[in-house]
Amino acid sequence: MSAAQDDDTRDGVWAPRFAPVAQIIPPNVFADMDVKVAAAVASGADVIDLAKGNPDAYPAEFIRDVAKSSVDDPLNARYTPFDGKPAFLQAAANWYGNVHGVELDWRSQLFAVEGAVDGLAGLFAILIDRGDAVAFVDPYYPSYHCMSVMHGAEEILLPARAELGWLPDLDAVGESVWRRLRMLILNYPNNPTGAQAPASFFEHAVELAKRYGFLIVHDFAYTGLGVSDQQVSLLTVPGASDVSVEVDSLSKMYAMAGWRAGFVTGNRDVVARLKQYHYQMGSMVTGMIQDAGAVALNSDQSCVDELARRYAGRREIVAGGLRSLGFDVFDSAGGIYVWFKASEGWSGQRFADALLDVAQVAGLPGTCFGRVGKDWVRLSLLKDESLLREAVRRIGAAEL
C-alpha cells in the first residue's frame, strides 16, 4: 500500500481525506439551535420558537399568481441566462430608481443570485485571499465570520455601542487598520439588533473607503422593513458605486425566503468579476422565481409596506411586553428581531438556555453574533401575534 493510500485508510478501511478548509468550517448557530429546539419538543415541551429568522408570511397573491403561471412557460424549464433574466434585472434597476432614487445600468451593474448569502459567498471568493483583512460590525450576521474563517482572513471587529444606537464609531478605528483593510461589511437594517444607519454614517464610510482603498459590501437583506422611516441604500451616497456593492434579497421584503432570489449591484468591475466566478461555481435563479420577483420589484411596494406594519405591531407586543417586565430593550428602527439585555447577573447564553428550559421559548444568545452582545438575546417576530403574547407571558412567569 502506498503512503498516499495509507494516509486515507483507517483500520484498513478507506476514508475520505478532506481539504484543510473543510476541517475549519465553523458550526452553524442556527442549525445548532434547531437541534436544541427539536430535542426539547421531542421531550414533550411546547416550544415557541423565536430563534429563527424564517418568515411566517406568504408572498402577496399577485406574486404567487405570476409564480404559478410561470411554471407553465416552457422556457422556464430551460436554463436561465447566466446573469439573470433581463426582465428581472430591469425590474431590480426600476426598484432602485423608484424606491431609492438610484440609477443603475442593469446590464453592467446588476447580477441575479440565489439570495444574499450566495452573493456574499461569491464576493468573498473573488476579493479575499488568505491573510487579507475583513472588517464587520460586532454584533454581526454569523456568515461573515464563517466566510472569513474559511478564507483565512484577518477578522477586524468594529464594536457597536448601545449609546450610539448599536452603530460603531468609525472614528475610533485606527488609521493603520483602515490602511490594511480589504473589505468592510455593513448590514442595515441590522441582524441581530435591528439598528438602522443614517445617510451620514454611509457617507463617512464611503469617504474612508475612497481615502484608504477598500471595498464596502452592504448586506441589504432587510430593506423596506423599517418601523417608520426606511433604511436608505448605501448607493444613494454620491460616488458610492466607485467603492461599494450592495447585496439585496427578496427573502424578507416579499416573504420569498424559500424561493431563493436576490441580486448584487454597485461597482461595475466587482459585479463583472462576480459574474465570471458565478458562471463557473454557481447556479442560476429558477426562471419562474425571477418572473415572480420581477413583478414584485415593479409593484407599488404596498405589500412590503404591509409587512413592515405587521412587524412593527409585533415588535410593540414583544418589545413593549419585555419593557413592562423590566428588561432593557433596544428601540430598534427596523428588521424582524427584538434585541434585549438578559436579567442582571445573567449572560445571554445562560438566559437563552433558561428561556428554553423554563419558559419553553427559544431565542438566540448574543454570543451567536459576536462578543459585544454577550449579555443580550435576540428574539424573532416571525410568529403570529397570539403566540408572541404568550411568549412574553411565559417569560414573565418564569421570573428569570
Protein backbone atom coordinates (compact mmCIF):
# COMPACT_ATOMS: atom_id res chain seq x y z
CA MET A 1 0.00 0.00 0.00
CA SER A 2 1.39 3.43 -0.94
CA ALA A 3 1.95 6.21 1.58
CA ALA A 4 -0.88 8.21 -0.01
CA GLN A 5 -3.24 5.28 0.30
CA ASP A 6 -2.13 4.72 3.89
CA ASP A 7 -3.00 8.35 4.73
CA ASP A 8 -6.57 7.72 3.60
CA THR A 9 -7.03 4.45 5.46
CA ARG A 10 -8.32 3.91 8.97
CA ASP A 11 -8.22 0.41 10.44
CA GLY A 12 -7.84 -0.94 6.93
CA VAL A 13 -10.96 0.90 5.65
CA TRP A 14 -10.62 3.73 3.19
CA ALA A 15 -11.81 7.11 4.44
CA PRO A 16 -12.06 10.38 2.52
CA ARG A 17 -9.29 12.91 3.06
CA PHE A 18 -10.71 16.42 3.30
CA ALA A 19 -9.12 19.68 2.28
CA PRO A 20 -7.92 21.90 5.14
CA VAL A 21 -10.79 24.36 4.61
CA ALA A 22 -13.32 21.58 5.21
CA GLN A 23 -11.77 20.98 8.63
CA ILE A 24 -12.17 24.56 9.87
CA ILE A 25 -15.80 25.25 8.94
CA PRO A 26 -17.40 26.87 12.00
CA PRO A 27 -20.68 25.42 13.27
CA ASN A 28 -23.91 26.95 12.00
CA VAL A 29 -25.52 28.56 15.04
CA PHE A 30 -28.99 28.35 13.51
CA ALA A 31 -28.70 24.64 12.73
CA ASP A 32 -27.38 24.01 16.24
CA MET A 33 -30.36 25.82 17.73
CA ASP A 34 -32.73 23.79 15.56
CA VAL A 35 -31.26 20.65 17.17
CA LYS A 36 -31.79 22.04 20.69
CA VAL A 37 -35.37 23.03 19.92
CA ALA A 38 -36.10 19.65 18.32
CA ALA A 39 -34.74 17.88 21.41
CA ALA A 40 -36.93 19.99 23.67
CA VAL A 41 -40.00 19.27 21.54
CA ALA A 42 -39.18 15.55 21.47
CA SER A 43 -39.09 15.56 25.28
CA GLY A 44 -42.63 16.97 25.34
CA ALA A 45 -42.01 20.73 25.58
CA ASP A 46 -44.44 23.09 23.85
CA VAL A 47 -41.77 25.40 22.44
CA ILE A 48 -42.50 28.79 20.91
CA ASP A 49 -39.54 29.07 18.56
CA LEU A 50 -38.41 32.70 18.29
CA ALA A 51 -34.85 31.76 17.37
CA LYS A 52 -35.35 31.62 13.62
CA GLY A 53 -35.42 34.38 11.05
CA ASN A 54 -37.70 32.32 8.83
CA PRO A 55 -40.68 34.42 7.64
CA ASP A 56 -44.12 33.14 8.58
CA ALA A 57 -45.67 35.45 5.98
CA TYR A 58 -46.60 34.37 2.47
CA PRO A 59 -45.81 36.23 -0.77
CA ALA A 60 -48.64 38.52 -1.87
CA GLU A 61 -51.28 36.94 -4.09
CA PHE A 62 -50.20 38.82 -7.22
CA ILE A 63 -46.65 37.48 -6.75
CA ARG A 64 -47.87 33.92 -6.24
CA ASP A 65 -50.11 34.17 -9.31
CA VAL A 66 -47.14 35.00 -11.53
CA ALA A 67 -45.05 32.22 -9.99
CA LYS A 68 -47.80 29.68 -10.67
CA SER A 69 -48.48 30.79 -14.22
CA SER A 70 -44.75 30.90 -14.98
CA VAL A 71 -44.43 27.21 -14.19
CA ASP A 72 -46.38 26.56 -17.40
CA ASP A 73 -43.98 28.61 -19.51
CA PRO A 74 -41.83 26.07 -21.39
CA LEU A 75 -38.88 28.47 -21.37
CA ASN A 76 -38.76 28.25 -17.60
CA ALA A 77 -37.90 24.57 -17.81
CA ARG A 78 -34.65 25.58 -19.51
CA TYR A 79 -31.53 27.11 -18.03
CA THR A 80 -31.99 30.81 -17.42
CA PRO A 81 -29.47 33.41 -18.65
CA PHE A 82 -26.23 33.41 -16.67
CA ASP A 83 -26.61 37.00 -15.46
CA GLY A 84 -30.31 36.69 -14.72
CA LYS A 85 -33.35 37.26 -16.90
CA PRO A 86 -33.26 40.75 -18.47
CA ALA A 87 -36.78 41.43 -17.17
CA PHE A 88 -35.66 40.57 -13.61
CA LEU A 89 -32.56 42.74 -13.80
CA GLN A 90 -34.53 45.61 -15.33
CA ALA A 91 -37.08 45.28 -12.53
CA ALA A 92 -34.27 45.47 -9.97
CA ALA A 93 -32.98 48.63 -11.63
CA ASN A 94 -36.52 50.06 -11.63
CA TRP A 95 -36.86 49.24 -7.94
CA TYR A 96 -33.65 51.09 -7.13
CA GLY A 97 -34.83 54.09 -9.11
CA ASN A 98 -38.37 54.15 -7.74
CA VAL A 99 -37.64 53.33 -4.11
CA HIS A 100 -34.16 54.77 -3.57
CA GLY A 101 -33.66 57.28 -6.37
CA VAL A 102 -30.57 55.43 -7.60
CA GLU A 103 -29.96 55.00 -11.32
CA LEU A 104 -28.30 51.74 -12.37
CA ASP A 105 -27.30 50.15 -15.66
CA TRP A 106 -28.96 46.74 -15.46
CA ARG A 107 -26.52 45.21 -17.93
CA SER A 108 -23.30 46.10 -16.13
CA GLN A 109 -24.30 46.80 -12.52
CA LEU A 110 -26.75 44.06 -11.64
CA PHE A 111 -26.38 40.31 -11.22
CA ALA A 112 -29.01 37.79 -10.05
CA VAL A 113 -28.07 35.48 -7.18
CA GLU A 114 -29.87 32.87 -5.10
CA GLY A 115 -30.26 35.07 -2.04
CA ALA A 116 -27.89 37.28 -0.06
CA VAL A 117 -25.60 34.51 1.23
CA ASP A 118 -24.99 33.32 -2.33
CA GLY A 119 -23.91 36.83 -3.28
CA LEU A 120 -21.77 37.27 -0.17
CA ALA A 121 -20.01 33.93 -0.69
CA GLY A 122 -19.15 34.87 -4.25
CA LEU A 123 -17.81 38.26 -3.16
CA PHE A 124 -15.56 36.64 -0.57
CA ALA A 125 -14.30 34.21 -3.23
CA ILE A 126 -13.27 36.93 -5.68
CA LEU A 127 -11.99 39.51 -3.19
CA ILE A 128 -10.46 37.81 -0.14
CA ASP A 129 -7.21 35.88 -0.04
CA ARG A 130 -5.51 34.31 2.96
CA GLY A 131 -4.32 36.99 5.33
CA ASP A 132 -6.48 39.78 3.91
CA ALA A 133 -8.22 41.97 6.47
CA VAL A 134 -12.03 41.95 6.60
CA ALA A 135 -13.91 44.24 8.99
CA PHE A 136 -17.50 43.96 10.13
CA VAL A 137 -19.58 45.33 12.94
CA ASP A 138 -19.99 43.28 16.12
CA PRO A 139 -22.77 42.06 16.62
CA TYR A 140 -22.78 40.51 13.15
CA TYR A 141 -24.61 38.01 10.98
CA PRO A 142 -22.67 34.74 11.60
CA SER A 143 -21.95 34.07 7.92
CA TYR A 144 -19.47 36.98 7.84
CA HIS A 145 -17.37 35.25 10.48
CA CYS A 146 -17.70 31.82 8.86
CA MET A 147 -16.66 33.10 5.43
CA SER A 148 -13.72 34.98 6.93
CA VAL A 149 -12.50 31.85 8.72
CA MET A 150 -12.84 29.67 5.63
CA HIS A 151 -10.86 32.17 3.53
CA GLY A 152 -8.14 32.56 6.15
CA ALA A 153 -8.88 36.28 6.51
CA GLU A 154 -7.88 38.51 9.37
CA GLU A 155 -11.09 39.48 11.17
CA ILE A 156 -11.38 43.03 12.46
CA LEU A 157 -14.44 43.52 14.66
CA LEU A 158 -15.85 47.03 14.96
CA PRO A 159 -17.78 47.11 18.25
CA ALA A 160 -21.25 48.59 18.04
CA ARG A 161 -22.21 50.72 21.02
CA ALA A 162 -25.64 50.85 22.60
CA GLU A 163 -25.28 54.58 23.25
CA LEU A 164 -24.73 55.10 19.51
CA GLY A 165 -27.89 53.20 18.60
CA TRP A 166 -25.90 49.99 18.11
CA LEU A 167 -23.69 51.58 15.46
CA PRO A 168 -19.89 51.53 15.57
CA ASP A 169 -17.75 54.63 15.99
CA LEU A 170 -15.83 54.66 12.72
CA ASP A 171 -13.61 57.46 14.01
CA ALA A 172 -12.39 55.22 16.81
CA VAL A 173 -10.75 52.87 14.27
CA GLY A 174 -7.03 53.49 13.85
CA GLU A 175 -5.57 54.59 10.52
CA SER A 176 -3.35 51.51 10.41
CA VAL A 177 -6.49 49.34 10.39
CA TRP A 178 -8.09 51.22 7.53
CA ARG A 179 -4.85 51.08 5.52
CA ARG A 180 -4.65 47.29 5.58
CA LEU A 181 -8.37 46.68 5.14
CA ARG A 182 -9.58 44.84 2.04
CA MET A 183 -13.32 44.72 2.74
CA LEU A 184 -15.76 46.40 5.13
CA ILE A 185 -19.10 44.62 5.57
CA LEU A 186 -22.10 46.65 6.75
CA ASN A 187 -25.63 45.37 7.37
CA TYR A 188 -28.57 47.73 7.90
CA PRO A 189 -31.25 47.20 9.00
CA ASN A 190 -29.03 45.09 11.18
CA ASN A 191 -29.32 41.46 12.15
CA PRO A 192 -29.47 40.90 15.14
CA THR A 193 -30.02 44.38 16.61
CA GLY A 194 -32.47 45.98 14.14
CA ALA A 195 -30.36 49.16 14.06
CA GLN A 196 -30.59 51.42 11.03
CA ALA A 197 -27.77 53.63 9.76
CA PRO A 198 -28.31 57.28 8.79
CA ALA A 199 -27.08 58.61 5.45
CA SER A 200 -24.29 60.45 7.28
CA PHE A 201 -22.88 57.13 8.53
CA PHE A 202 -22.74 55.77 4.98
CA GLU A 203 -21.23 59.00 3.71
CA HIS A 204 -18.41 58.69 6.25
CA ALA A 205 -17.83 55.03 5.34
CA VAL A 206 -17.61 55.88 1.64
CA GLU A 207 -15.18 58.71 2.37
CA LEU A 208 -12.97 56.30 4.33
CA ALA A 209 -13.14 53.67 1.58
CA LYS A 210 -12.03 56.21 -1.02
CA ARG A 211 -9.25 57.53 1.20
CA TYR A 212 -7.81 54.13 2.12
CA GLY A 213 -8.74 51.99 -0.85
CA PHE A 214 -11.04 49.24 0.45
CA LEU A 215 -14.40 47.92 -0.76
CA ILE A 216 -17.65 48.27 1.18
CA VAL A 217 -20.15 45.40 0.95
CA HIS A 218 -23.59 46.35 2.25
CA ASP A 219 -25.86 43.44 3.13
CA PHE A 220 -29.30 44.99 2.49
CA ALA A 221 -31.35 41.88 3.25
CA TYR A 222 -33.92 43.65 5.47
CA THR A 223 -34.67 46.58 3.20
CA GLY A 224 -38.17 48.04 3.43
CA LEU A 225 -38.88 46.65 6.89
CA GLY A 226 -38.39 49.78 8.98
CA VAL A 227 -40.72 50.61 11.83
CA SER A 228 -41.40 54.09 10.42
CA ASP A 229 -38.54 55.59 8.44
CA GLN A 230 -36.91 53.22 5.98
CA GLN A 231 -33.21 52.42 5.76
CA VAL A 232 -31.52 54.36 2.97
CA SER A 233 -29.47 52.50 0.39
CA LEU A 234 -25.70 52.86 0.60
CA LEU A 235 -25.76 53.60 -3.12
CA THR A 236 -27.61 56.87 -2.52
CA VAL A 237 -24.29 58.35 -1.39
CA PRO A 238 -22.66 60.16 -4.33
CA GLY A 239 -19.75 58.10 -5.63
CA ALA A 240 -20.62 55.06 -3.52
CA SER A 241 -20.60 52.79 -6.58
CA ASP A 242 -16.90 53.59 -7.01
CA VAL A 243 -16.06 51.73 -3.81
CA SER A 244 -19.01 49.54 -2.90
CA VAL A 245 -21.56 46.91 -3.78
CA GLU A 246 -24.94 46.22 -2.23
CA VAL A 247 -26.41 42.76 -1.78
CA ASP A 248 -30.20 42.62 -1.91
CA SER A 249 -32.54 39.75 -1.09
CA LEU A 250 -36.20 39.15 -1.91
CA SER A 251 -36.50 36.78 1.05
CA LYS A 252 -37.64 39.16 3.76
CA MET A 253 -39.28 42.11 1.98
CA TYR A 254 -41.51 39.88 -0.17
CA ALA A 255 -41.63 36.84 2.17
CA MET A 256 -39.94 34.75 -0.53
CA ALA A 257 -37.28 33.15 1.69
CA GLY A 258 -37.77 29.63 0.36
CA TRP A 259 -37.79 30.76 -3.27
CA ARG A 260 -34.16 31.96 -3.18
CA ALA A 261 -33.63 35.13 -5.19
CA GLY A 262 -31.69 38.34 -4.85
CA PHE A 263 -29.16 40.49 -6.67
CA VAL A 264 -25.81 42.20 -6.29
CA THR A 265 -25.27 45.71 -7.58
CA GLY A 266 -22.82 48.59 -7.50
CA ASN A 267 -19.23 48.73 -8.70
CA ARG A 268 -19.06 47.55 -12.30
CA ASP A 269 -15.68 45.82 -12.01
CA VAL A 270 -16.73 43.86 -8.94
CA VAL A 271 -20.05 42.85 -10.49
CA ALA A 272 -18.28 41.75 -13.71
CA ARG A 273 -15.77 39.61 -11.81
CA LEU A 274 -18.52 38.15 -9.62
CA LYS A 275 -20.35 37.11 -12.79
CA GLN A 276 -17.24 35.34 -14.09
CA TYR A 277 -16.86 33.45 -10.83
CA HIS A 278 -20.52 32.53 -10.66
CA TYR A 279 -20.57 31.28 -14.25
CA GLN A 280 -18.24 28.50 -13.09
CA MET A 281 -19.18 28.00 -9.45
CA GLY A 282 -22.83 28.94 -9.06
CA SER A 283 -26.33 28.22 -10.28
CA MET A 284 -28.84 30.48 -11.95
CA VAL A 285 -32.01 31.59 -10.17
CA THR A 286 -35.04 29.50 -11.22
CA GLY A 287 -36.94 31.10 -14.08
CA MET A 288 -40.40 31.28 -12.51
CA ILE A 289 -38.90 32.77 -9.34
CA GLN A 290 -37.30 35.53 -11.39
CA ASP A 291 -40.66 36.18 -13.08
CA ALA A 292 -42.36 36.45 -9.69
CA GLY A 293 -39.52 38.59 -8.38
CA ALA A 294 -39.80 40.96 -11.34
CA VAL A 295 -43.49 41.63 -10.76
CA ALA A 296 -42.78 42.17 -7.05
CA LEU A 297 -39.98 44.64 -7.73
CA ASN A 298 -42.07 46.51 -10.31
CA SER A 299 -45.06 46.77 -7.97
CA ASP A 300 -46.03 49.80 -5.87
CA GLN A 301 -44.40 48.09 -2.84
CA SER A 302 -47.61 48.22 -0.84
CA CYS A 303 -47.09 44.53 0.01
CA VAL A 304 -43.75 45.45 1.61
CA ASP A 305 -45.37 48.32 3.50
CA GLU A 306 -47.99 45.90 4.81
CA LEU A 307 -45.30 43.52 6.07
CA ALA A 308 -43.42 46.39 7.70
CA ARG A 309 -46.57 47.46 9.55
CA ARG A 310 -47.22 43.89 10.65
CA TYR A 311 -43.69 43.55 12.06
CA ALA A 312 -43.93 46.97 13.73
CA GLY A 313 -47.09 45.81 15.52
CA ARG A 314 -45.44 42.58 16.56
CA ARG A 315 -42.37 44.49 17.74
CA GLU A 316 -44.57 46.51 20.08
CA ILE A 317 -46.06 43.30 21.50
CA VAL A 318 -42.66 41.77 22.27
CA ALA A 319 -40.51 44.83 22.95
CA GLY A 320 -43.26 46.60 24.86
CA GLY A 321 -44.06 43.45 26.80
CA LEU A 322 -40.44 42.88 27.76
CA ARG A 323 -40.04 46.52 28.83
CA SER A 324 -43.08 46.17 31.07
CA LEU A 325 -41.31 43.22 32.70
CA GLY A 326 -38.28 45.43 33.42
CA PHE A 327 -35.95 44.35 30.62
CA ASP A 328 -33.59 46.70 28.80
CA VAL A 329 -34.84 46.52 25.18
CA PHE A 330 -33.19 48.29 22.27
CA ASP A 331 -35.64 50.60 20.49
CA SER A 332 -34.75 49.20 17.08
CA ALA A 333 -35.76 51.05 13.94
CA GLY A 334 -36.12 48.11 11.58
CA GLY A 335 -35.72 44.45 10.80
CA ILE A 336 -37.61 41.50 12.23
CA TYR A 337 -35.99 40.95 15.62
CA VAL A 338 -36.11 42.24 19.19
CA TRP A 339 -32.73 42.72 20.90
CA PHE A 340 -32.86 42.82 24.70
CA LYS A 341 -30.49 42.51 27.62
CA ALA A 342 -30.62 39.49 29.87
CA SER A 343 -31.53 39.91 33.52
CA GLU A 344 -28.89 41.43 35.79
CA GLY A 345 -26.13 38.93 36.51
CA TRP A 346 -27.08 36.64 33.63
CA SER A 347 -25.12 36.08 30.44
CA GLY A 348 -27.09 35.94 27.21
CA GLN A 349 -26.19 32.27 26.81
CA ARG A 350 -27.36 31.28 30.27
CA PHE A 351 -30.52 33.34 29.91
CA ALA A 352 -31.38 31.87 26.48
CA ASP A 353 -30.84 28.36 27.87
CA ALA A 354 -33.18 29.14 30.76
CA LEU A 355 -35.77 30.61 28.40
CA LEU A 356 -35.91 27.31 26.55
CA ASP A 357 -35.79 25.10 29.64
CA VAL A 358 -38.14 27.06 31.90
CA ALA A 359 -40.33 29.26 29.69
CA GLN A 360 -40.24 26.98 26.64
CA VAL A 361 -39.39 29.97 24.45
CA ALA A 362 -36.45 29.64 22.06
CA GLY A 363 -34.21 32.64 21.44
CA LEU A 364 -30.60 33.09 20.41
CA PRO A 365 -27.94 34.39 22.79
CA GLY A 366 -25.94 37.38 21.67
CA THR A 367 -22.77 35.26 21.59
CA CYS A 368 -24.10 33.73 18.37
CA PHE A 369 -23.44 37.13 16.81
CA GLY A 370 -20.04 38.02 18.25
CA ARG A 371 -18.61 39.32 21.51
CA VAL A 372 -20.29 42.66 22.15
CA GLY A 373 -23.74 41.13 22.69
CA LYS A 374 -22.63 38.53 25.23
CA ASP A 375 -25.27 39.72 27.71
CA TRP A 376 -28.03 40.13 25.13
CA VAL A 377 -30.64 37.90 23.47
CA ARG A 378 -32.33 38.01 20.06
CA LEU A 379 -35.99 37.06 19.59
CA SER A 380 -37.61 36.95 16.17
CA LEU A 381 -41.02 38.41 15.37
CA LEU A 382 -41.96 35.66 12.95
CA LYS A 383 -44.87 34.09 14.80
CA ASP A 384 -48.46 35.26 14.91
CA GLU A 385 -49.49 37.84 17.47
CA SER A 386 -51.17 35.40 19.85
CA LEU A 387 -48.01 33.30 20.11
CA LEU A 388 -45.87 36.38 20.67
CA ARG A 389 -48.13 37.50 23.52
CA GLU A 390 -47.94 34.01 25.00
CA ALA A 391 -44.13 34.06 24.71
CA VAL A 392 -43.97 37.33 26.65
CA ARG A 393 -46.37 35.93 29.26
CA ARG A 394 -44.19 32.83 29.69
CA ILE A 395 -41.02 34.92 30.03
CA GLY A 396 -42.69 36.97 32.77
CA ALA A 397 -44.00 33.90 34.53
CA ALA A 398 -40.55 32.29 34.51
CA GLU A 399 -39.24 35.15 36.68
CA LEU A 400 -35.73 34.82 35.30
